Protein backbone atom coordinates (compact mmCIF):
# COMPACT_ATOMS: atom_id res chain seq x y z
CA MET A 1 112.19 116.45 65.07
CA ASP A 2 111.06 119.13 62.62
CA ASN A 3 111.16 122.71 63.86
CA ILE A 4 107.39 123.14 63.32
CA VAL A 5 106.70 120.09 65.49
CA THR A 6 109.05 121.37 68.19
CA TYR A 7 107.45 124.83 68.03
CA GLN A 8 103.91 123.45 68.29
CA ASN A 9 104.83 121.01 71.05
CA ILE A 10 106.22 123.87 73.13
CA PHE A 11 102.93 125.73 72.76
CA ARG A 12 101.01 122.57 73.67
CA GLU A 13 103.14 121.98 76.76
CA VAL A 14 103.37 125.53 78.08
CA PHE A 15 99.67 126.29 77.64
CA SER A 16 98.33 122.75 78.27
CA LEU A 17 96.55 122.74 74.91
CA LYS A 18 94.25 119.87 74.01
CA GLU A 19 93.63 118.60 70.48
CA PRO A 20 92.46 119.87 68.11
CA VAL A 21 94.50 123.08 68.25
CA THR A 22 94.17 125.98 65.83
CA PHE A 23 97.68 127.31 66.35
CA GLU A 24 97.22 130.32 64.06
CA SER A 25 94.62 131.75 66.47
CA LEU A 26 96.87 131.66 69.55
CA GLU A 27 97.59 135.15 70.90
CA TYR A 28 98.97 136.68 74.07
CA GLN A 29 96.31 137.27 76.75
CA THR A 30 93.54 135.77 74.59
CA THR A 31 94.82 132.21 74.99
CA GLU A 32 94.22 130.57 78.36
CA ASP A 33 97.42 130.61 80.45
CA TRP A 34 99.22 132.98 78.04
CA ASP A 35 99.68 135.69 80.61
CA SER A 36 102.98 137.32 81.61
CA VAL A 37 104.17 134.21 83.47
CA GLY A 38 103.13 131.90 80.64
CA HIS A 39 104.82 134.23 78.18
CA MET A 40 108.17 134.01 79.94
CA GLU A 41 107.85 130.21 80.18
CA LEU A 42 107.15 130.09 76.43
CA ILE A 43 110.17 132.25 75.64
CA THR A 44 112.42 130.19 77.93
CA GLN A 45 111.30 126.92 76.35
CA LEU A 46 111.80 128.28 72.83
CA GLU A 47 115.25 129.66 73.62
CA ASN A 48 116.30 126.33 75.13
CA ALA A 49 114.87 124.20 72.33
CA PHE A 50 116.33 126.28 69.51
CA LYS A 51 119.53 127.30 71.36
CA ILE A 52 118.99 131.02 70.88
CA SER A 53 118.75 134.11 73.07
CA MET A 54 116.07 136.55 72.00
CA ASP A 55 116.50 140.31 72.26
CA MET A 56 114.12 141.97 74.71
CA ASP A 57 112.31 143.72 71.83
CA ASP A 58 111.58 140.32 70.29
CA VAL A 59 110.37 138.93 73.62
CA ILE A 60 107.97 141.85 73.92
CA ASP A 61 106.84 141.64 70.28
CA PHE A 62 106.20 137.86 70.49
CA GLY A 63 102.44 138.34 70.78
CA SER A 64 101.07 135.47 68.76
CA TYR A 65 101.91 132.10 67.28
CA LEU A 66 102.27 133.62 63.81
CA VAL A 67 104.42 136.56 64.93
CA GLY A 68 106.59 134.06 66.79
CA ILE A 69 107.39 132.28 63.55
CA GLN A 70 108.59 135.56 62.03
CA ILE A 71 110.69 136.35 65.08
CA LEU A 72 112.32 132.91 65.12
CA GLU A 73 113.16 133.30 61.43
CA LYS A 74 115.27 136.33 62.41
CA TYR A 75 117.41 133.91 64.42
CA GLY A 76 117.79 131.50 61.52
CA ILE A 77 115.11 129.08 62.72
CA ASP A 78 112.97 127.87 59.80
CA ILE A 79 109.56 126.93 61.18
CA ALA A 80 107.57 126.59 57.95
């Protein structure tokens, strides 16, 4: 499975998103269910799927779908 598909599927699953989804507009606390609990579930799912462990600064900075792509790139995960 492509990394972009995995990334988007994790967002779909964690936040129970229904089609159509405008992923680029997803942001912390403006997306339904993306609260502090949803955030930690998202991070856990991403770390498990991509076999990484994010630094706490990256967990805190992971505030949107687009920022998440940049953060994952720091760990060698090519999402684009």
